[in-house]
Amino acid sequence: MVKKEIVLGHKISNAGLEVDPTKIDVVSKLSPPPDIKPLRRFLGLLQKIYQRIFPNHQASQ
């Protein structure tokens, strides 16, 4: 029986898998990108993360 553990930035408990709140705080404190290029880089990073979490998900066209 797992009470609550943080593994690789995710909280694992009997209720399921959640994102660690400290990670959310870090992302929410990021400054807005000055132009489109850093924004595209950030969105590409998010896309790679989601592809790892949801490997069978395909973007709708």
PDB file of N, CA and C in Angstrom:
ATOM      1  N   MET A   1       0.846  -1.190   0.000  1.00  0.00           N
ATOM      2  CA  MET A   1       0.000   0.000   0.000  1.00  0.00           C
ATOM      3  C   MET A   1       0.885   1.243   0.000  1.00  0.00           C
ATOM      4  N   VAL A   2       0.768   2.040  -1.019  1.00  0.00           N
ATOM      5  CA  VAL A   2       1.545   3.266  -1.144  1.00  0.00           C
ATOM      6  C   VAL A   2       0.740   4.416  -0.575  1.00  0.00           C
ATOM      7  N   LYS A   3       1.346   5.168   0.345  1.00  0.00           N
ATOM      8  CA  LYS A   3       0.638   6.337   0.866  1.00  0.00           C
ATOM      9  C   LYS A   3       0.776   7.479  -0.131  1.00  0.00           C
ATOM     10  N   LYS A   4       2.007   7.952  -0.285  1.00  0.00           N
ATOM     11  CA  LYS A   4       2.255   9.015  -1.249  1.00  0.00           C
ATOM     12  C   LYS A   4       3.763   9.120  -1.448  1.00  0.00           C
ATOM     13  N   GLU A   5       4.228   9.000  -2.658  1.00  0.00           N
ATOM     14  CA  GLU A   5       5.640   9.104  -2.988  1.00  0.00           C
ATOM     15  C   GLU A   5       5.800   9.986  -4.216  1.00  0.00           C
ATOM     16  N   ILE A   6       6.932  10.678  -4.301  1.00  0.00           N
ATOM     17  CA  ILE A   6       7.242  11.477  -5.485  1.00  0.00           C
ATOM     18  C   ILE A   6       8.343  10.750  -6.249  1.00  0.00           C
ATOM     19  N   VAL A   7       8.034  10.388  -7.498  1.00  0.00           N
ATOM     20  CA  VAL A   7       8.965   9.671  -8.348  1.00  0.00           C
ATOM     21  C   VAL A   7       9.046  10.395  -9.682  1.00  0.00           C
ATOM     22  N   LEU A   8      10.247  10.819 -10.055  1.00  0.00           N
ATOM     23  CA  LEU A   8      10.474  11.505 -11.328  1.00  0.00           C
ATOM     24  C   LEU A   8       9.523  12.680 -11.533  1.00  0.00           C
ATOM     25  N   GLY A   9       9.299  13.446 -10.473  1.00  0.00           N
ATOM     26  CA  GLY A   9       8.472  14.636 -10.575  1.00  0.00           C
ATOM     27  C   GLY A   9       6.980  14.395 -10.586  1.00  0.00           C
ATOM     28  N   HIS A  10       6.553  13.180 -10.264  1.00  0.00           N
ATOM     29  CA  HIS A  10       5.129  12.861 -10.218  1.00  0.00           C
ATOM     30  C   HIS A  10       4.783  12.274  -8.861  1.00  0.00           C
ATOM     31  N   LYS A  11       3.626  12.648  -8.348  1.00  0.00           N
ATOM     32  CA  LYS A  11       3.149  12.133  -7.077  1.00  0.00           C
ATOM     33  C   LYS A  11       2.366  10.852  -7.335  1.00  0.00           C
ATOM     34  N   ILE A  12       2.793   9.767  -6.700  1.00  0.00           N
ATOM     35  CA  ILE A  12       2.112   8.488  -6.853  1.00  0.00           C
ATOM     36  C   ILE A  12       1.453   8.145  -5.528  1.00  0.00           C
ATOM     37  N   SER A  13       0.160   7.864  -5.582  1.00  0.00           N
ATOM     38  CA  SER A  13      -0.577   7.497  -4.372  1.00  0.00           C
ATOM     39  C   SER A  13      -1.648   6.484  -4.741  1.00  0.00           C
ATOM     40  N   ASN A  14      -2.426   6.091  -3.751  1.00  0.00           N
ATOM     41  CA  ASN A  14      -3.531   5.173  -4.018  1.00  0.00           C
ATOM     42  C   ASN A  14      -4.576   5.815  -4.922  1.00  0.00           C
ATOM     43  N   ALA A  15      -4.636   7.145  -4.932  1.00  0.00           N
ATOM     44  CA  ALA A  15      -5.595   7.863  -5.775  1.00  0.00           C
ATOM     45  C   ALA A  15      -5.160   7.891  -7.238  1.00  0.00           C
ATOM     46  N   GLY A  16      -3.875   7.645  -7.502  1.00  0.00           N
ATOM     47  CA  GLY A  16      -3.389   7.659  -8.873  1.00  0.00           C
ATOM     48  C   GLY A  16      -2.117   8.463  -9.027  1.00  0.00           C
ATOM     49  N   LEU A  17      -1.902   8.990 -10.216  1.00  0.00           N
ATOM     50  CA  LEU A  17      -0.703   9.725 -10.579  1.00  0.00           C
ATOM     51  C   LEU A  17      -1.034  11.203 -10.710  1.00  0.00           C
ATOM     52  N   GLU A  18      -0.242  12.060 -10.062  1.00  0.00           N
ATOM     53  CA  GLU A  18      -0.439  13.508 -10.133  1.00  0.00           C
ATOM     54  C   GLU A  18       0.906  14.168 -10.382  1.00  0.00           C
ATOM     55  N   VAL A  19       0.880  15.391 -10.881  1.00  0.00           N
ATOM     56  CA  VAL A  19       2.100  16.165 -11.056  1.00  0.00           C
ATOM     57  C   VAL A  19       2.474  16.767  -9.711  1.00  0.00           C
ATOM     58  N   ASP A  20       3.770  16.776  -9.416  1.00  0.00           N
ATOM     59  CA  ASP A  20       4.263  17.365  -8.180  1.00  0.00           C
ATOM     60  C   ASP A  20       3.985  18.869  -8.203  1.00  0.00           C
ATOM     61  N   PRO A  21       3.298  19.419  -7.190  1.00  0.00           N
ATOM     62  CA  PRO A  21       2.954  20.849  -7.169  1.00  0.00           C
ATOM     63  C   PRO A  21       4.163  21.777  -7.257  1.00  0.00           C
ATOM     64  N   THR A  22       5.321  21.353  -6.764  1.00  0.00           N
ATOM     65  CA  THR A  22       6.507  22.213  -6.864  1.00  0.00           C
ATOM     66  C   THR A  22       6.929  22.393  -8.316  1.00  0.00           C
ATOM     67  N   LYS A  23       6.714  21.389  -9.145  1.00  0.00           N
ATOM     68  CA  LYS A  23       7.035  21.503 -10.574  1.00  0.00           C
ATOM     69  C   LYS A  23       6.089  22.484 -11.259  1.00  0.00           C
ATOM     70  N   ILE A  24       4.829  22.474 -10.846  1.00  0.00           N
ATOM     71  CA  ILE A  24       3.856  23.411 -11.407  1.00  0.00           C
ATOM     72  C   ILE A  24       4.243  24.838 -11.047  1.00  0.00           C
ATOM     73  N   ASP A  25       4.699  25.052  -9.811  1.00  0.00           N
ATOM     74  CA  ASP A  25       5.122  26.386  -9.381  1.00  0.00           C
ATOM     75  C   ASP A  25       6.268  26.904 -10.232  1.00  0.00           C
ATOM     76  N   VAL A  26       7.231  26.048 -10.529  1.00  0.00           N
ATOM     77  CA  VAL A  26       8.383  26.457 -11.336  1.00  0.00           C
ATOM     78  C   VAL A  26       7.929  26.909 -12.721  1.00  0.00           C
ATOM     79  N   VAL A  27       7.065  26.140 -13.350  1.00  0.00           N
ATOM     80  CA  VAL A  27       6.600  26.475 -14.700  1.00  0.00           C
ATOM     81  C   VAL A  27       5.737  27.730 -14.681  1.00  0.00           C
ATOM     82  N   SER A  28       4.908  27.894 -13.661  1.00  0.00           N
ATOM     83  CA  SER A  28       4.031  29.067 -13.603  1.00  0.00           C
ATOM     84  C   SER A  28       4.808  30.359 -13.379  1.00  0.00           C
ATOM     85  N   LYS A  29       6.031  30.260 -12.853  1.00  0.00           N
ATOM     86  CA  LYS A  29       6.842  31.457 -12.606  1.00  0.00           C
ATOM     87  C   LYS A  29       7.755  31.816 -13.778  1.00  0.00           C
ATOM     88  N   LEU A  30       7.701  31.045 -14.848  1.00  0.00           N
ATOM     89  CA  LEU A  30       8.507  31.366 -16.026  1.00  0.00           C
ATOM     90  C   LEU A  30       8.044  32.684 -16.631  1.00  0.00           C
ATOM     91  N   SER A  31       8.990  33.463 -17.115  1.00  0.00           N
ATOM     92  CA  SER A  31       8.619  34.723 -17.762  1.00  0.00           C
ATOM     93  C   SER A  31       8.105  34.428 -19.169  1.00  0.00           C
ATOM     94  N   PRO A  32       7.221  35.290 -19.683  1.00  0.00           N
ATOM     95  CA  PRO A  32       6.706  35.066 -21.041  1.00  0.00           C
ATOM     96  C   PRO A  32       7.827  35.196 -22.074  1.00  0.00           C
ATOM     97  N   PRO A  33       7.748  34.443 -23.157  1.00  0.00           N
ATOM     98  CA  PRO A  33       8.802  34.510 -24.174  1.00  0.00           C
ATOM     99  C   PRO A  33       8.792  35.867 -24.883  1.00  0.00           C
ATOM    100  N   PRO A  34       9.974  36.383 -25.206  1.00  0.00           N
ATOM    101  CA  PRO A  34      10.054  37.700 -25.856  1.00  0.00           C
ATOM    102  C   PRO A  34       9.567  37.701 -27.304  1.00  0.00           C
ATOM    103  N   ASP A  35       9.681  36.560 -27.985  1.00  0.00           N
ATOM    104  CA  ASP A  35       9.193  36.471 -29.361  1.00  0.00           C
ATOM    105  C   ASP A  35       8.765  35.031 -29.660  1.00  0.00           C
ATOM    106  N   ILE A  36       8.478  34.736 -30.905  1.00  0.00           N
ATOM    107  CA  ILE A  36       7.874  33.457 -31.283  1.00  0.00           C
ATOM    108  C   ILE A  36       8.845  32.279 -31.204  1.00  0.00           C
ATOM    109  N   LYS A  37      10.147  32.511 -31.429  1.00  0.00           N
ATOM    110  CA  LYS A  37      11.106  31.405 -31.468  1.00  0.00           C
ATOM    111  C   LYS A  37      11.213  30.662 -30.126  1.00  0.00           C
ATOM    112  N   PRO A  38      11.388  31.352 -28.994  1.00  0.00           N
ATOM    113  CA  PRO A  38      11.413  30.630 -27.715  1.00  0.00           C
ATOM    114  C   PRO A  38      10.077  29.963 -27.390  1.00  0.00           C
ATOM    115  N   LEU A  39       8.986  30.563 -27.824  1.00  0.00           N
ATOM    116  CA  LEU A  39       7.672  29.966 -27.596  1.00  0.00           C
ATOM    117  C   LEU A  39       7.554  28.634 -28.342  1.00  0.00           C
ATOM    118  N   ARG A  40       8.015  28.599 -29.578  1.00  0.00           N
ATOM    119  CA  ARG A  40       7.973  27.361 -30.360  1.00  0.00           C
ATOM    120  C   ARG A  40       8.855  26.281 -29.724  1.00  0.00           C
ATOM    121  N   ARG A  41      10.020  26.694 -29.199  1.00  0.00           N
ATOM    122  CA  ARG A  41      10.900  25.743 -28.527  1.00  0.00           C
ATOM    123  C   ARG A  41      10.218  25.139 -27.301  1.00  0.00           C
ATOM    124  N   PHE A  42       9.558  25.990 -26.520  1.00  0.00           N
ATOM    125  CA  PHE A  42       8.860  25.538 -25.318  1.00  0.00           C
ATOM    126  C   PHE A  42       7.713  24.599 -25.681  1.00  0.00           C
ATOM    127  N   LEU A  43       6.940  24.940 -26.696  1.00  0.00           N
ATOM    128  CA  LEU A  43       5.831  24.084 -27.120  1.00  0.00           C
ATOM    129  C   LEU A  43       6.334  22.748 -27.667  1.00  0.00           C
ATOM    130  N   GLY A  44       7.483  22.771 -28.343  1.00  0.00           N
ATOM    131  CA  GLY A  44       8.086  21.526 -28.816  1.00  0.00           C
ATOM    132  C   GLY A  44       8.505  20.633 -27.662  1.00  0.00           C
ATOM    133  N   LEU A  45       9.027  21.246 -26.601  1.00  0.00           N
ATOM    134  CA  LEU A  45       9.395  20.495 -25.404  1.00  0.00           C
ATOM    135  C   LEU A  45       8.166  19.855 -24.773  1.00  0.00           C
ATOM    136  N   LEU A  46       7.082  20.622 -24.672  1.00  0.00           N
ATOM    137  CA  LEU A  46       5.840  20.068 -24.124  1.00  0.00           C
ATOM    138  C   LEU A  46       5.329  18.913 -24.976  1.00  0.00           C
ATOM    139  N   GLN A  47       5.446  19.052 -26.280  1.00  0.00           N
ATOM    140  CA  GLN A  47       4.986  17.999 -27.180  1.00  0.00           C
ATOM    141  C   GLN A  47       5.762  16.705 -26.939  1.00  0.00           C
ATOM    142  N   LYS A  48       7.083  16.812 -26.749  1.00  0.00           N
ATOM    143  CA  LYS A  48       7.896  15.623 -26.484  1.00  0.00           C
ATOM    144  C   LYS A  48       7.506  14.970 -25.167  1.00  0.00           C
ATOM    145  N   ILE A  49       7.225  15.786 -24.160  1.00  0.00           N
ATOM    146  CA  ILE A  49       6.821  15.251 -22.859  1.00  0.00           C
ATOM    147  C   ILE A  49       5.500  14.504 -22.989  1.00  0.00           C
ATOM    148  N   TYR A  50       4.523  15.108 -23.654  1.00  0.00           N
ATOM    149  CA  TYR A  50       3.217  14.463 -23.804  1.00  0.00           C
ATOM    150  C   TYR A  50       3.301  13.199 -24.648  1.00  0.00           C
ATOM    151  N   GLN A  51       4.204  13.169 -25.628  1.00  0.00           N
ATOM    152  CA  GLN A  51       4.365  11.956 -26.429  1.00  0.00           C
ATOM    153  C   GLN A  51       4.891  10.805 -25.580  1.00  0.00           C
ATOM    154  N   ARG A  52       5.713  11.121 -24.589  1.00  0.00           N
ATOM    155  CA  ARG A  52       6.210  10.072 -23.692  1.00  0.00           C
ATOM    156  C   ARG A  52       5.114   9.597 -22.744  1.00  0.00           C
ATOM    157  N   ILE A  53       4.282  10.526 -22.274  1.00  0.00           N
ATOM    158  CA  ILE A  53       3.227  10.172 -21.326  1.00  0.00           C
ATOM    159  C   ILE A  53       2.096   9.424 -22.029  1.00  0.00           C
ATOM    160  N   PHE A  54       1.720   9.892 -23.221  1.00  0.00           N
ATOM    161  CA  PHE A  54       0.607   9.305 -23.982  1.00  0.00           C
ATOM    162  C   PHE A  54       1.128   8.798 -25.326  1.00  0.00           C
ATOM    163  N   PRO A  55       1.828   7.671 -25.344  1.00  0.00           N
ATOM    164  CA  PRO A  55       2.463   7.217 -26.586  1.00  0.00           C
ATOM    165  C   PRO A  55       1.485   6.853 -27.702  1.00  0.00           C
ATOM    166  N   ASN A  56       0.262   6.486 -27.385  1.00  0.00           N
ATOM    167  CA  ASN A  56      -0.696   6.077 -28.414  1.00  0.00           C
ATOM    168  C   ASN A  56      -1.617   7.203 -28.859  1.00  0.00           C
ATOM    169  N   HIS A  57      -1.419   8.405 -28.324  1.00  0.00           N
ATOM    170  CA  HIS A  57      -2.273   9.538 -28.685  1.00  0.00           C
ATOM    171  C   HIS A  57      -1.769  10.167 -29.979  1.00  0.00           C
ATOM    172  N   GLN A  58      -2.687  10.433 -30.894  1.00  0.00           N
ATOM    173  CA  GLN A  58      -2.338  11.104 -32.139  1.00  0.00           C
ATOM    174  C   GLN A  58      -3.076  12.424 -32.206  1.00  0.00           C
ATOM    175  N   ALA A  59      -2.403  13.441 -32.696  1.00  0.00           N
ATOM    176  CA  ALA A  59      -3.031  14.753 -32.831  1.00  0.00           C
ATOM    177  C   ALA A  59      -4.135  14.680 -33.875  1.00  0.00           C
ATOM    178  N   SER A  60      -5.251  15.335 -33.594  1.00  0.00           N
ATOM    179  CA  SER A  60      -6.344  15.357 -34.568  1.00  0.00           C
ATOM    180  C   SER A  60      -5.979  16.290 -35.706  1.00  0.00           C
ATOM    181  N   GLN A  61      -6.446  15.966 -36.888  1.00  0.00           N
ATOM    182  CA  GLN A  61      -6.088  16.778 -38.054  1.00  0.00           C
ATOM    183  C   GLN A  61      -7.262  17.537 -38.569  1.00  0.00           C
TER     184      GLN A  61
END
